[in-house]
Amino acid sequence: MDTCRIPANASKCSGNTMECFMVLSTQAQKISIGILCGLFGTMCVFENSLVLYLIFSSPGIRKKPSYLFIGSLALADILASIIFVCSFVNFHVFNEAGFSKEVFLLQLGGVNTSFSASLSSLLLTALDRYLSISRPSEYKLLMTRRRAWTALGVLWLTCATIAYLPLLGWNCCVLDSSCSELFPFVDDNYLSGWLCFVVVLLGCIVYAYAHVLWRARQHVAYMEKHQAQAGKPNSRMRMDVMLAKTLVMVLAVLVLCWAPVLVLMAYSVFSRLSDRLRKVFAFCSTLCLLNSMVNPIIYALRSKELFSSLRRVFSRFRRQLKAAEESPEAESTHRSSVIET
């Protein structure tokens, strides 16, 4: 096992440095974390897998760049939920520490890649909607499928490169620098850089959606004025109101799920964390998983096209189920009629 400089507040740990980061001390805490991870992780995989199926089973939907970004978001959330739940529960609940530095940093890189790609996909979705409302006449020329795939390729490559820098050598063992109090083997300077990267992503998402929200609000005010003059309802105004409500929900969920984790990470860089705060961080980490579970509901299933596709899938499933239930009855009826003859 590689040895690194142990965080100051964890100096009471001796022998195995990995044990210093196992902050859940009671069985109730471990069971709570296990239940949260199991529930959020299962729902996340199911919902996002359904979104991917709906997108790629419909030729008309999968050709649109906006749904490619939603598909990337769903894929990132699936990977994040699987890798995060397996590694997080294995470490904090079962206290498994019998693996090398490289294995741990490989797992951490997978989690960081997935969550970073999820946020980056949200950013591309936000930019896509920003372009559609700010430059509607040029949108189809600016946002082509080729450019969408190129953007997704750059997105995933950038996220993976940044996430695996600790495995490639930017860690406190190789550099003999100060280790993070929240993550084994992670250098404080790297954690600061990753935080800046995530904060920039979140800032760009908030800016893009705030602009879309502002434009939608302008349009609602304009349509309300003309609707009052014309004396009749307007369907476009109802769509803008729905869009505004959706964007408020998007920003609220995004900030509520990510703010606690990012604040505690930033605090750990500049100050020492108590054992109680480190436990709080462990529970707050599950909020990122909750965000991945909520994303399909906000971004995908509120889409009319995807919701219509979902209804068709359920209708087809019900027909097949009904046919399977009626088939034995029809066969038994046929057999009885043959016997009577």
Foldseek 3Di string as FASTA:
>chain_A
DFDADADPQQVVDDDDSLVSQLLDDDLVLLVVLLVLLVVLLVLLLVLLVLLLCLQVVDPVRVQDLLSVLVNQLSVLLNQLSVLCSVVLSVCRNVVDDPDDPLVQLVSQLSNQLSLQSNLVSLLVNLVLLLCCLPPVVCSPVVDHPVVSVVSSVVSSVVRSVLSNVLSVQQWCSNVSADHFSNGPRHHLVSLVVSLVVSVVSLVSSVVSLVVLLVSLVVVLVVVVVVCVVVVDDDPVSVVSVVSNVLSVVVNVLVCVLPVLLSVLSVCRSVDPDHSVSSSVNSVSPSSSSVSSSCSCVSSPCVDPSSVVSVVVVVVVVVVVVVCVVCVVVVVVVVVVVVVVD
